[in-house]
C-alpha cells in the first residue's frame, strides 16, 4: 500500500487528524480518517512487596474515574523510556532505579496511530507528585491478587493496564523459572 493523498483535518496539542487515501499496485484503495499521535509510555510500578501502583483519574471519554497504570504521551524529541521516567515522576512522584521494557502495542490501529510502550519500574525512591494543571491523580497500591480480581470482575477495564498486568505476570513467571 502506498499513501496517495493526505489532508490534515484537525490539529490539537495532543494529536492531529488526517484523512488519507492509500492504494496498492492492483488498484485496491482505502480511505481513512487517522488520529496521529506521537505514542505513549506506560509504567507498571512494582514495589519490594510485589504491589502494583495504580492511579485514578477522571477520563472524559469514559465519563468516569478509572484506575489505571500511569501513562503519558511522548513529548517531541523524547524516546519511550525518557517519557516513562518523566511520567512516573510527574504522576506519582516516584523514581525507579531499574527499568524493563515489557511490551509495545498499537492502541487501536484501525484509526489511531498511537503506539503504547509498557515499562516495568522497580527499585523505587519516593518523591513529590508533579501533576499537570488538568490532572487530579489519586494513587493506590494493589497486591497481585487484588488487581487480578478487579480485572476479572470488570472493576478495572483500562486496556493498557490489562495488557501491562498480564505481561508482568509472564515476566515474573519467566524470571522465577530462570532463577530455579
Protein backbone atom coordinates (compact mmCIF):
# COMPACT_ATOMS: atom_id res chain seq x y z
CA UNK A 1 0.00 0.00 0.00
CA UNK A 2 1.14 3.49 -0.80
CA UNK A 3 -0.43 6.70 0.53
CA UNK A 4 -1.55 8.73 -2.48
CA UNK A 5 -3.15 11.64 -0.64
CA UNK A 6 -3.17 13.09 2.85
CA UNK A 7 -5.19 16.03 4.16
CA UNK A 8 -4.96 17.43 7.69
CA UNK A 9 -8.42 17.90 9.20
CA UNK A 10 -7.61 18.95 12.78
CA UNK A 11 -4.57 19.73 14.93
CA UNK A 12 -4.52 19.87 18.74
CA UNK A 13 -1.67 19.97 21.24
CA UNK A 14 -2.01 16.20 21.77
CA UNK A 15 -2.87 14.77 18.35
CA UNK A 16 -3.90 15.58 14.80
CA UNK A 17 -6.47 14.03 12.50
CA UNK A 18 -5.68 13.41 8.85
CA UNK A 19 -7.68 11.88 6.04
CA UNK A 20 -5.58 9.59 3.89
CA UNK A 21 -6.10 7.53 0.78
CA UNK A 22 -3.83 4.57 0.05
CA UNK A 23 -3.68 2.31 -2.99
CA UNK A 24 -1.93 -0.97 -3.70
CA UNK A 25 -0.46 -1.99 -7.12
CA UNK A 26 -3.67 -3.84 -8.04
CA UNK A 27 -5.69 -0.63 -7.67
CA UNK A 28 -7.33 -1.58 -4.35
CA UNK A 29 -7.90 1.66 -2.45
CA UNK A 30 -8.72 2.53 1.16
CA UNK A 31 -9.64 5.88 2.69
CA UNK A 32 -9.46 6.55 6.42
CA UNK A 33 -9.50 9.36 8.93
CA UNK A 34 -6.48 8.69 11.17
CA UNK A 35 -5.64 10.09 14.57
CA UNK A 36 -1.90 10.86 14.50
CA UNK A 37 -0.34 10.54 17.96
CA UNK A 38 3.34 10.58 18.98
CA UNK A 39 2.96 7.44 21.11
CA UNK A 40 2.77 6.77 24.83
CA UNK A 41 4.83 5.47 27.68
CA UNK A 42 3.06 3.30 30.26
CA UNK A 43 4.59 2.42 33.62
CA UNK A 44 3.89 -0.70 35.67
CA UNK A 45 5.31 0.20 39.07
CA UNK A 46 6.13 -2.70 41.39
CA UNK A 47 7.49 -2.26 44.91
CA UNK A 48 9.55 -4.67 47.02
CA UNK A 49 6.32 -6.30 48.33
CA UNK A 50 5.24 -7.00 44.72
CA UNK A 51 2.41 -4.48 44.92
CA UNK A 52 1.42 -2.55 41.80
CA UNK A 53 0.75 1.18 41.98
CA UNK A 54 -2.27 2.43 40.03
CA UNK A 55 -3.55 5.95 39.58
CA UNK A 56 -7.17 7.03 39.43
CA UNK A 57 -8.18 9.86 37.12
CA UNK A 58 -11.41 11.11 35.63
CA UNK A 59 -11.42 10.14 31.95
CA UNK A 60 -13.75 12.32 29.91
CA UNK A 61 -14.29 9.84 27.02
CA UNK A 62 -15.22 7.08 29.53
CA UNK A 63 -17.23 9.60 31.60
CA UNK A 64 -15.93 8.15 34.86
CA UNK A 65 -12.89 7.73 37.05
CA UNK A 66 -10.64 4.82 36.09
CA UNK A 67 -7.89 3.01 37.96
CA UNK A 68 -5.03 2.54 35.54
CA UNK A 69 -1.28 2.34 35.09
CA UNK A 70 0.34 5.78 34.90
CA UNK A 71 0.98 6.83 31.31
CA UNK A 72 1.53 9.78 29.07
CA UNK A 73 2.44 10.79 25.56
CA UNK A 74 5.95 11.14 24.24
CA UNK A 75 6.99 14.77 24.03
CA UNK A 76 8.89 16.00 20.94
CA UNK A 77 12.44 14.61 20.96
CA UNK A 78 11.69 12.08 23.72
CA UNK A 79 12.03 8.34 23.39
CA UNK A 80 9.62 6.00 25.18
CA UNK A 81 11.89 5.32 28.17
CA UNK A 82 12.58 9.02 28.71
CA UNK A 83 8.83 9.68 28.65
CA UNK A 84 8.20 6.80 31.09
CA UNK A 85 10.70 8.25 33.57
CA UNK A 86 9.15 11.71 33.27
CA UNK A 87 5.58 10.42 33.61
CA UNK A 88 6.49 8.29 36.63
CA UNK A 89 7.87 11.36 38.40
CA UNK A 90 5.00 13.66 37.36
CA UNK A 91 2.08 11.35 38.12
CA UNK A 92 3.39 9.51 41.20
CA UNK A 93 6.49 11.30 42.49
CA UNK A 94 8.44 8.05 42.33
CA UNK A 95 11.72 7.42 40.58
CA UNK A 96 12.91 3.94 39.62
CA UNK A 97 16.44 2.60 39.55
CA UNK A 98 15.58 -0.40 37.35
CA UNK A 99 13.59 -0.27 34.09
CA UNK A 100 12.49 -3.21 31.93
CA UNK A 101 10.53 -2.98 28.67
CA UNK A 102 7.57 -5.38 28.91
CA UNK A 103 5.92 -4.83 25.52
CA UNK A 104 4.67 -2.35 22.94
CA UNK A 105 1.30 -2.43 21.21
CA UNK A 106 -0.95 -0.37 18.93
CA UNK A 107 -3.81 1.12 20.95
CA UNK A 108 -6.42 0.91 18.17
CA UNK A 109 -4.71 0.57 14.77
CA UNK A 110 -7.91 0.83 12.75
CA UNK A 111 -7.86 4.61 13.13
CA UNK A 112 -5.27 5.63 15.77
CA UNK A 113 -1.52 5.79 15.13
CA UNK A 114 -0.67 5.65 18.87
CA UNK A 115 1.86 3.00 19.87
CA UNK A 116 1.95 2.31 23.61
CA UNK A 117 5.21 1.19 25.26
CA UNK A 118 4.93 -0.54 28.65
CA UNK A 119 7.84 -0.47 31.08
CA UNK A 120 8.28 -2.20 34.42
CA UNK A 121 9.70 0.20 37.04
CA UNK A 122 11.30 -1.26 40.19
CA UNK A 123 13.77 -0.31 42.91
CA UNK A 124 11.76 2.79 43.76
CA UNK A 125 12.52 6.05 45.52
CA UNK A 126 9.57 8.10 46.74
CA UNK A 127 9.16 11.80 45.98
CA UNK A 128 6.57 14.50 45.35
CA UNK A 129 3.97 14.26 42.56
CA UNK A 130 4.21 16.90 39.81
CA UNK A 131 0.85 16.57 38.03
CA UNK A 132 -0.12 18.76 35.10
CA UNK A 133 -2.66 21.53 35.75
CA UNK A 134 -5.53 19.47 34.30
CA UNK A 135 -4.72 16.29 36.30
CA UNK A 136 -6.18 15.24 39.64
CA UNK A 137 -4.50 11.96 40.47
CA UNK A 138 -5.20 9.55 43.32
CA UNK A 139 -2.78 6.64 43.91
CA UNK A 140 -3.32 3.21 45.42
CA UNK A 141 -1.19 0.08 45.82
CA UNK A 142 -2.79 -3.22 44.77
CA UNK A 143 -1.38 -6.64 45.53
CA UNK A 144 -1.30 -9.14 42.66
CA UNK A 145 -4.46 -10.98 43.76
CA UNK A 146 -6.47 -7.77 44.32
CA UNK A 147 -5.56 -6.42 40.90
CA UNK A 148 -6.20 -9.74 39.16
CA UNK A 149 -9.63 -9.98 40.79
CA UNK A 150 -10.51 -6.35 39.91
CA UNK A 151 -9.56 -7.01 36.28
CA UNK A 152 -11.54 -10.24 36.04
CA UNK A 153 -14.70 -8.74 37.55
CA UNK A 154 -14.50 -5.59 35.39
CA UNK A 155 -13.75 -3.00 38.09
CA UNK A 156 -10.51 -2.28 36.22
CA UNK A 157 -11.10 -2.15 32.47
CA UNK A 158 -8.38 0.10 31.05
CA UNK A 159 -6.67 -1.70 28.16
CA UNK A 160 -3.08 -0.66 28.87
CA UNK A 161 -3.49 -1.78 32.48
CA UNK A 162 -4.81 -5.20 31.49
CA UNK A 163 -2.03 -5.73 28.93
CA UNK A 164 0.67 -4.47 31.30
CA UNK A 165 -0.51 -6.63 34.20
CA UNK A 166 -0.66 -9.85 32.19
CA UNK A 167 2.73 -9.20 30.57
CA UNK A 168 4.16 -8.56 34.05
CA UNK A 169 2.74 -11.88 35.29
CA UNK A 170 4.51 -13.66 32.41
CA UNK A 171 7.73 -11.71 33.01
CA UNK A 172 7.54 -12.63 36.72
CA UNK A 173 6.99 -16.30 35.91
CA UNK A 174 9.93 -16.39 33.45
CA UNK A 175 12.26 -14.66 35.95
CA UNK A 176 11.33 -17.13 38.70
CA UNK A 177 11.89 -20.08 36.34
CA UNK A 178 15.31 -18.78 35.29
CA UNK A 179 16.38 -18.48 38.95
CA UNK A 180 15.26 -22.05 39.78
